[in-house]
Amino acid sequence: MGKIVDIYGKKLFSLALIFNSLLTLVYVIGLLSTFYRNYPEWRPYPPYVLHASLFLLLIPAALINIFPSVNIGKVETGRLWFHHYIYGFIVIAIATILTAIWFPTSMLSLFTANDSTAGINVGRFFIIGGLTLVVDDLPDVSKTLKSGLCFLKAKAQQNGRIFHAVQLIMGFASLYFLLAVSIYLPQHPAEITLANIILVGTLLVTTLTSFANATRKSWLKLC
C-alpha cells in the first residue's frame, strides 16, 4: 500500500509541477500580448516591476522547470486502456469545443487575451490540464518525437552546468516577481483579485521548484 501511495504521489506531484509551468506560460503570454497590443506604456505592479517586458523572464523560468518535473514522475503506474497522452488530447478537444460553443473565441485569443471571464478560464484550466498529460507522456506520442527528445536530452547532458546555472538564475528571477507582486497587492487592495492570487501561487511554486531543482542539481544528474 505504501509503495502504491509513493508511486502515485510522485506522479501527481510531477503533473502538478508541469501544470504550474504551463499555467505560468499562459499567464505571461496573455499579459504580454495585451501589453504589446493595447497598453504599451502600461507598468504592472509599479514601482516594484520596472517594466512589463521583464515578465519575459518567466518564460524560460517556466520552461526550464518542465523537464526535471517530468523526471520526478518517471514511475511505473501502468495505464488504463490508453496512454496518458490520449486522455490529454481528449480533454483538450472537449474543453476547446465546449469553450468555443459557449464563449465563441479563436484558439489563439484563448491564450493570448488577458480575459478574466469565468467560463473562458475554466476552459483554459482543462486545456492546460490536457496539455499536462500530453507533456508528461510526450515520448510515447511518436517514435520521431521520442528520438528528438532523446537528442535534446543528450545535448542537455553535455551542457548540464549551463542549464544548472540558468536554473538558479531563473529561480532568483521568479523570486523577484514573487516579492514584487506580493508587496504590491497589499498596498492596492482593489487589485487583490483571483487572477492575482493565482499569479502569486504560480510564482511561489515556480520559485520553489527552481531552487529545489538547483539544490538537487537536476540538470547535472539527468538519466
C-alpha atoms as a PDB file:
ATOM      1  CA  MET A   1       0.000   0.000   0.000  1.00  0.00           C
ATOM      2  CA  GLY A   2       2.812   2.382   0.957  1.00  0.00           C
ATOM      3  CA  LYS A   3       4.577   1.728  -2.347  1.00  0.00           C
ATOM      4  CA  ILE A   4       1.429   2.487  -4.342  1.00  0.00           C
ATOM      5  CA  VAL A   5       0.924   5.760  -2.447  1.00  0.00           C
ATOM      6  CA  ASP A   6       4.550   6.680  -3.094  1.00  0.00           C
ATOM      7  CA  ILE A   7       4.309   5.898  -6.832  1.00  0.00           C
ATOM      8  CA  TYR A   8       1.066   7.790  -7.427  1.00  0.00           C
ATOM      9  CA  GLY A   9       2.163  10.567  -5.085  1.00  0.00           C
ATOM     10  CA  LYS A  10       5.244  11.179  -7.234  1.00  0.00           C
ATOM     11  CA  LYS A  11       3.185  11.062 -10.419  1.00  0.00           C
ATOM     12  CA  LEU A  12       0.587  13.540  -9.137  1.00  0.00           C
ATOM     13  CA  PHE A  13       3.294  15.822  -7.772  1.00  0.00           C
ATOM     14  CA  SER A  14       5.055  15.721 -11.135  1.00  0.00           C
ATOM     15  CA  LEU A  15       1.828  16.529 -13.006  1.00  0.00           C
ATOM     16  CA  ALA A  16       1.114  19.425 -10.627  1.00  0.00           C
ATOM     17  CA  LEU A  17       4.551  20.935 -11.300  1.00  0.00           C
ATOM     18  CA  ILE A  18       4.143  20.552 -15.079  1.00  0.00           C
ATOM     19  CA  PHE A  19       0.682  22.134 -14.850  1.00  0.00           C
ATOM     20  CA  ASN A  20       2.114  25.067 -12.901  1.00  0.00           C
ATOM     21  CA  SER A  21       4.815  25.637 -15.527  1.00  0.00           C
ATOM     22  CA  LEU A  22       2.231  25.640 -18.332  1.00  0.00           C
ATOM     23  CA  LEU A  23      -0.067  27.920 -16.325  1.00  0.00           C
ATOM     24  CA  THR A  24       2.815  30.355 -15.821  1.00  0.00           C
ATOM     25  CA  LEU A  25       3.480  30.362 -19.577  1.00  0.00           C
ATOM     26  CA  VAL A  26      -0.189  31.024 -20.387  1.00  0.00           C
ATOM     27  CA  TYR A  27      -0.372  33.855 -17.855  1.00  0.00           C
ATOM     28  CA  VAL A  28       2.764  35.543 -19.178  1.00  0.00           C
ATOM     29  CA  ILE A  29       1.678  35.168 -22.824  1.00  0.00           C
ATOM     30  CA  GLY A  30      -1.735  36.680 -22.030  1.00  0.00           C
ATOM     31  CA  LEU A  31      -0.280  39.558 -20.041  1.00  0.00           C
ATOM     32  CA  LEU A  32       2.405  40.439 -22.584  1.00  0.00           C
ATOM     33  CA  SER A  33       0.151  40.125 -25.632  1.00  0.00           C
ATOM     34  CA  THR A  34      -2.277  42.561 -24.001  1.00  0.00           C
ATOM     35  CA  PHE A  35       0.593  44.859 -23.065  1.00  0.00           C
ATOM     36  CA  TYR A  36       2.199  44.992 -26.508  1.00  0.00           C
ATOM     37  CA  ARG A  37      -1.093  45.288 -28.413  1.00  0.00           C
ATOM     38  CA  ASN A  38      -3.134  47.637 -26.247  1.00  0.00           C
ATOM     39  CA  TYR A  39      -1.161  49.284 -23.452  1.00  0.00           C
ATOM     40  CA  PRO A  40       2.500  49.770 -24.499  1.00  0.00           C
ATOM     41  CA  GLU A  41       3.005  52.349 -21.734  1.00  0.00           C
ATOM     42  CA  TRP A  42       1.467  50.181 -19.008  1.00  0.00           C
ATOM     43  CA  ARG A  43       3.615  49.369 -15.979  1.00  0.00           C
ATOM     44  CA  PRO A  44       2.267  46.427 -13.974  1.00  0.00           C
ATOM     45  CA  TYR A  45       2.765  46.357 -10.197  1.00  0.00           C
ATOM     46  CA  PRO A  46       4.687  49.675 -10.023  1.00  0.00           C
ATOM     47  CA  PRO A  47       7.215  50.588  -8.809  1.00  0.00           C
ATOM     48  CA  TYR A  48       8.376  47.063  -7.969  1.00  0.00           C
ATOM     49  CA  VAL A  49       8.266  45.676 -11.525  1.00  0.00           C
ATOM     50  CA  LEU A  50      10.384  48.082 -13.555  1.00  0.00           C
ATOM     51  CA  HIS A  51       8.870  47.210 -16.948  1.00  0.00           C
ATOM     52  CA  ALA A  52       6.259  44.771 -18.268  1.00  0.00           C
ATOM     53  CA  SER A  53       8.812  43.244 -20.666  1.00  0.00           C
ATOM     54  CA  LEU A  54      10.639  41.799 -17.665  1.00  0.00           C
ATOM     55  CA  PHE A  55       7.849  39.225 -17.458  1.00  0.00           C
ATOM     56  CA  LEU A  56       9.546  37.599 -20.462  1.00  0.00           C
ATOM     57  CA  LEU A  57      11.999  36.142 -17.918  1.00  0.00           C
ATOM     58  CA  LEU A  58       9.227  33.933 -16.585  1.00  0.00           C
ATOM     59  CA  ILE A  59       9.037  32.074 -19.905  1.00  0.00           C
ATOM     60  CA  PRO A  60      12.488  30.410 -19.587  1.00  0.00           C
ATOM     61  CA  ALA A  61      11.883  30.122 -15.829  1.00  0.00           C
ATOM     62  CA  ALA A  62       8.797  28.003 -16.507  1.00  0.00           C
ATOM     63  CA  LEU A  63      10.265  26.058 -19.433  1.00  0.00           C
ATOM     64  CA  ILE A  64      13.433  25.013 -17.615  1.00  0.00           C
ATOM     65  CA  ASN A  65      11.333  23.538 -14.810  1.00  0.00           C
ATOM     66  CA  ILE A  66       9.367  21.221 -17.091  1.00  0.00           C
ATOM     67  CA  PHE A  67      11.974  18.531 -17.827  1.00  0.00           C
ATOM     68  CA  PRO A  68      13.018  17.991 -14.169  1.00  0.00           C
ATOM     69  CA  SER A  69       9.323  17.935 -13.241  1.00  0.00           C
ATOM     70  CA  VAL A  70       8.649  15.213 -15.831  1.00  0.00           C
ATOM     71  CA  ASN A  71      11.641  13.303 -14.470  1.00  0.00           C
ATOM     72  CA  ILE A  72      10.092  13.227 -10.971  1.00  0.00           C
ATOM     73  CA  GLY A  73       7.066  11.394 -12.372  1.00  0.00           C
ATOM     74  CA  LYS A  74       9.049   8.651 -14.109  1.00  0.00           C
ATOM     75  CA  VAL A  75       7.399   5.810 -12.202  1.00  0.00           C
ATOM     76  CA  GLU A  76       5.577   2.711 -13.415  1.00  0.00           C
ATOM     77  CA  THR A  77       1.878   3.423 -12.896  1.00  0.00           C
ATOM     78  CA  GLY A  78       0.540   1.305 -15.727  1.00  0.00           C
ATOM     79  CA  ARG A  79      -2.253   2.653 -17.881  1.00  0.00           C
ATOM     80  CA  LEU A  80      -5.998   2.320 -18.118  1.00  0.00           C
ATOM     81  CA  TRP A  81      -6.748   1.281 -21.735  1.00  0.00           C
ATOM     82  CA  PHE A  82      -4.718   4.061 -23.370  1.00  0.00           C
ATOM     83  CA  HIS A  83      -1.532   6.086 -22.951  1.00  0.00           C
ATOM     84  CA  HIS A  84      -1.869   9.250 -20.856  1.00  0.00           C
ATOM     85  CA  TYR A  85      -1.462  11.489 -23.893  1.00  0.00           C
ATOM     86  CA  ILE A  86      -4.636  10.029 -25.468  1.00  0.00           C
ATOM     87  CA  TYR A  87      -6.638  11.201 -22.467  1.00  0.00           C
ATOM     88  CA  GLY A  88      -4.805  14.515 -22.690  1.00  0.00           C
ATOM     89  CA  PHE A  89      -5.867  15.042 -26.305  1.00  0.00           C
ATOM     90  CA  ILE A  90      -9.450  14.033 -25.440  1.00  0.00           C
ATOM     91  CA  VAL A  91      -9.598  16.587 -22.602  1.00  0.00           C
ATOM     92  CA  ILE A  92      -8.116  19.289 -24.856  1.00  0.00           C
ATOM     93  CA  ALA A  93     -10.617  18.546 -27.655  1.00  0.00           C
ATOM     94  CA  ILE A  94     -13.681  18.531 -25.388  1.00  0.00           C
ATOM     95  CA  ALA A  95     -12.605  21.666 -23.490  1.00  0.00           C
ATOM     96  CA  THR A  96     -11.849  23.518 -26.730  1.00  0.00           C
ATOM     97  CA  ILE A  97     -15.182  22.586 -28.340  1.00  0.00           C
ATOM     98  CA  LEU A  98     -17.277  23.465 -25.273  1.00  0.00           C
ATOM     99  CA  THR A  99     -15.439  26.752 -24.751  1.00  0.00           C
ATOM    100  CA  ALA A 100     -15.906  27.654 -28.418  1.00  0.00           C
ATOM    101  CA  ILE A 101     -19.654  26.884 -28.224  1.00  0.00           C
ATOM    102  CA  TRP A 102     -20.400  28.834 -25.054  1.00  0.00           C
ATOM    103  CA  PHE A 103     -17.785  31.566 -25.406  1.00  0.00           C
ATOM    104  CA  PRO A 104     -17.019  31.951 -29.128  1.00  0.00           C
ATOM    105  CA  THR A 105     -13.368  32.884 -29.499  1.00  0.00           C
ATOM    106  CA  SER A 106     -10.396  31.754 -31.548  1.00  0.00           C
ATOM    107  CA  MET A 107      -7.907  29.262 -30.130  1.00  0.00           C
ATOM    108  CA  LEU A 108      -5.182  31.888 -30.435  1.00  0.00           C
ATOM    109  CA  SER A 109      -7.066  34.549 -28.493  1.00  0.00           C
ATOM    110  CA  LEU A 110      -7.980  31.968 -25.864  1.00  0.00           C
ATOM    111  CA  PHE A 111      -4.337  32.021 -24.772  1.00  0.00           C
ATOM    112  CA  THR A 112      -3.233  35.491 -25.835  1.00  0.00           C
ATOM    113  CA  ALA A 113      -6.145  37.545 -24.457  1.00  0.00           C
ATOM    114  CA  ASN A 114      -5.987  38.706 -20.850  1.00  0.00           C
ATOM    115  CA  ASP A 115      -9.629  37.708 -20.216  1.00  0.00           C
ATOM    116  CA  SER A 116     -10.986  37.148 -16.710  1.00  0.00           C
ATOM    117  CA  THR A 117     -14.316  35.627 -17.856  1.00  0.00           C
ATOM    118  CA  ALA A 118     -15.023  32.608 -15.637  1.00  0.00           C
ATOM    119  CA  GLY A 119     -16.100  30.313 -18.493  1.00  0.00           C
ATOM    120  CA  ILE A 120     -13.008  31.060 -20.578  1.00  0.00           C
ATOM    121  CA  ASN A 121     -10.737  30.491 -17.604  1.00  0.00           C
ATOM    122  CA  VAL A 122     -12.424  27.157 -16.870  1.00  0.00           C
ATOM    123  CA  GLY A 123     -11.798  26.202 -20.497  1.00  0.00           C
ATOM    124  CA  ARG A 124      -8.171  27.242 -20.175  1.00  0.00           C
ATOM    125  CA  PHE A 125      -7.847  25.180 -16.986  1.00  0.00           C
ATOM    126  CA  PHE A 126      -8.959  21.979 -18.686  1.00  0.00           C
ATOM    127  CA  ILE A 127      -6.941  22.647 -21.843  1.00  0.00           C
ATOM    128  CA  ILE A 128      -3.810  23.179 -19.738  1.00  0.00           C
ATOM    129  CA  GLY A 129      -4.697  20.023 -17.800  1.00  0.00           C
ATOM    130  CA  GLY A 130      -4.893  18.085 -21.060  1.00  0.00           C
ATOM    131  CA  LEU A 131      -1.583  19.567 -22.217  1.00  0.00           C
ATOM    132  CA  THR A 132      -0.060  18.474 -18.914  1.00  0.00           C
ATOM    133  CA  LEU A 133      -0.953  14.837 -19.653  1.00  0.00           C
ATOM    134  CA  VAL A 134       0.444  15.167 -23.181  1.00  0.00           C
ATOM    135  CA  VAL A 135       3.726  16.704 -21.987  1.00  0.00           C
ATOM    136  CA  ASP A 136       4.105  14.028 -19.323  1.00  0.00           C
ATOM    137  CA  ASP A 137       3.709  11.283 -21.943  1.00  0.00           C
ATOM    138  CA  LEU A 138       5.362  13.098 -24.857  1.00  0.00           C
ATOM    139  CA  PRO A 139       7.932  10.387 -25.795  1.00  0.00           C
ATOM    140  CA  ASP A 140       5.083   7.931 -26.435  1.00  0.00           C
ATOM    141  CA  VAL A 141       3.289  10.208 -28.914  1.00  0.00           C
ATOM    142  CA  SER A 142       5.579   9.137 -31.782  1.00  0.00           C
ATOM    143  CA  LYS A 143       8.947   7.489 -32.377  1.00  0.00           C
ATOM    144  CA  THR A 144      10.171  10.586 -34.219  1.00  0.00           C
ATOM    145  CA  LEU A 145       9.285  12.800 -31.272  1.00  0.00           C
ATOM    146  CA  LYS A 146      10.934  10.363 -28.884  1.00  0.00           C
ATOM    147  CA  SER A 147      14.150  10.434 -30.950  1.00  0.00           C
ATOM    148  CA  GLY A 148      14.087  14.226 -30.975  1.00  0.00           C
ATOM    149  CA  LEU A 149      13.632  14.365 -27.202  1.00  0.00           C
ATOM    150  CA  CYS A 150      16.491  11.890 -26.717  1.00  0.00           C
ATOM    151  CA  PHE A 151      18.703  14.118 -28.882  1.00  0.00           C
ATOM    152  CA  LEU A 152      17.789  17.185 -26.820  1.00  0.00           C
ATOM    153  CA  LYS A 153      18.383  15.255 -23.619  1.00  0.00           C
ATOM    154  CA  ALA A 154      21.858  14.229 -24.802  1.00  0.00           C
ATOM    155  CA  LYS A 155      22.667  17.875 -25.594  1.00  0.00           C
ATOM    156  CA  ALA A 156      21.384  18.909 -22.167  1.00  0.00           C
ATOM    157  CA  GLN A 157      23.614  16.299 -20.524  1.00  0.00           C
ATOM    158  CA  GLN A 158      26.610  17.737 -22.369  1.00  0.00           C
ATOM    159  CA  ASN A 159      25.746  21.240 -21.168  1.00  0.00           C
ATOM    160  CA  GLY A 160      24.465  20.347 -17.717  1.00  0.00           C
ATOM    161  CA  ARG A 161      26.471  23.071 -15.943  1.00  0.00           C
ATOM    162  CA  ILE A 162      24.990  25.771 -18.160  1.00  0.00           C
ATOM    163  CA  PHE A 163      21.435  24.561 -17.558  1.00  0.00           C
ATOM    164  CA  HIS A 164      22.153  24.299 -13.830  1.00  0.00           C
ATOM    165  CA  ALA A 165      23.353  27.922 -13.755  1.00  0.00           C
ATOM    166  CA  VAL A 166      20.354  29.120 -15.781  1.00  0.00           C
ATOM    167  CA  GLN A 167      18.039  27.196 -13.427  1.00  0.00           C
ATOM    168  CA  LEU A 168      19.491  29.042 -10.432  1.00  0.00           C
ATOM    169  CA  ILE A 169      19.293  32.438 -12.159  1.00  0.00           C
ATOM    170  CA  MET A 170      15.679  31.803 -13.143  1.00  0.00           C
ATOM    171  CA  GLY A 171      14.940  30.920  -9.528  1.00  0.00           C
ATOM    172  CA  PHE A 172      16.097  34.375  -8.453  1.00  0.00           C
ATOM    173  CA  ALA A 173      14.132  35.969 -11.320  1.00  0.00           C
ATOM    174  CA  SER A 174      10.966  34.186 -10.169  1.00  0.00           C
ATOM    175  CA  LEU A 175      11.672  35.241  -6.587  1.00  0.00           C
ATOM    176  CA  TYR A 176      11.936  38.856  -7.731  1.00  0.00           C
ATOM    177  CA  PHE A 177       8.466  38.736  -9.320  1.00  0.00           C
ATOM    178  CA  LEU A 178       7.031  36.877  -6.325  1.00  0.00           C
ATOM    179  CA  LEU A 179       8.273  39.555  -3.929  1.00  0.00           C
ATOM    180  CA  ALA A 180       7.269  42.417  -6.266  1.00  0.00           C
ATOM    181  CA  VAL A 181       3.679  41.241  -6.675  1.00  0.00           C
ATOM    182  CA  SER A 182       3.344  40.158  -3.029  1.00  0.00           C
ATOM    183  CA  ILE A 183       4.478  43.579  -1.773  1.00  0.00           C
ATOM    184  CA  TYR A 184       2.367  45.487  -4.307  1.00  0.00           C
ATOM    185  CA  LEU A 185      -1.002  43.792  -3.733  1.00  0.00           C
ATOM    186  CA  PRO A 186      -1.492  44.606  -0.007  1.00  0.00           C
ATOM    187  CA  GLN A 187      -0.838  48.259  -0.877  1.00  0.00           C
ATOM    188  CA  HIS A 188      -3.582  48.133  -3.544  1.00  0.00           C
ATOM    189  CA  PRO A 189      -6.454  46.044  -2.065  1.00  0.00           C
ATOM    190  CA  ALA A 190      -8.673  46.680  -5.090  1.00  0.00           C
ATOM    191  CA  GLU A 191      -6.252  44.613  -7.186  1.00  0.00           C
ATOM    192  CA  ILE A 192      -6.356  41.570  -4.924  1.00  0.00           C
ATOM    193  CA  THR A 193      -8.300  39.556  -7.476  1.00  0.00           C
ATOM    194  CA  LEU A 194      -8.498  35.811  -8.079  1.00  0.00           C
ATOM    195  CA  ALA A 195      -6.174  36.210 -11.079  1.00  0.00           C
ATOM    196  CA  ASN A 196      -3.522  37.952  -8.987  1.00  0.00           C
ATOM    197  CA  ILE A 197      -3.865  35.429  -6.174  1.00  0.00           C
ATOM    198  CA  ILE A 198      -3.324  32.616  -8.686  1.00  0.00           C
ATOM    199  CA  LEU A 199      -0.339  34.524 -10.085  1.00  0.00           C
ATOM    200  CA  VAL A 200       1.252  34.713  -6.623  1.00  0.00           C
ATOM    201  CA  GLY A 201       0.633  30.984  -6.176  1.00  0.00           C
ATOM    202  CA  THR A 202       2.209  30.061  -9.516  1.00  0.00           C
ATOM    203  CA  LEU A 203       5.190  32.328  -8.821  1.00  0.00           C
ATOM    204  CA  LEU A 204       5.668  30.702  -5.423  1.00  0.00           C
ATOM    205  CA  VAL A 205       5.628  27.199  -6.922  1.00  0.00           C
ATOM    206  CA  THR A 206       7.910  28.256  -9.814  1.00  0.00           C
ATOM    207  CA  THR A 207      10.392  29.813  -7.382  1.00  0.00           C
ATOM    208  CA  LEU A 208      10.435  26.827  -5.027  1.00  0.00           C
ATOM    209  CA  THR A 209      10.694  24.378  -7.935  1.00  0.00           C
ATOM    210  CA  SER A 210      13.603  26.306  -9.465  1.00  0.00           C
ATOM    211  CA  PHE A 211      15.573  26.396  -6.226  1.00  0.00           C
ATOM    212  CA  ALA A 212      14.722  22.761  -5.434  1.00  0.00           C
ATOM    213  CA  ASN A 213      15.951  21.644  -8.865  1.00  0.00           C
ATOM    214  CA  ALA A 214      19.104  23.735  -8.470  1.00  0.00           C
ATOM    215  CA  THR A 215      19.728  22.293  -4.990  1.00  0.00           C
ATOM    216  CA  ARG A 216      19.175  18.729  -6.244  1.00  0.00           C
ATOM    217  CA  LYS A 217      21.390  19.527  -9.273  1.00  0.00           C
ATOM    218  CA  SER A 218      18.702  18.044 -11.509  1.00  0.00           C
ATOM    219  CA  TRP A 219      20.368  19.166 -14.737  1.00  0.00           C
ATOM    220  CA  LEU A 220      23.663  17.598 -13.641  1.00  0.00           C
ATOM    221  CA  LYS A 221      22.004  14.254 -12.893  1.00  0.00           C
ATOM    222  CA  LEU A 222      19.939  13.601 -15.990  1.00  0.00           C
ATOM    223  CA  CYS A 223      19.163   9.925 -16.510  1.00  0.00           C
END
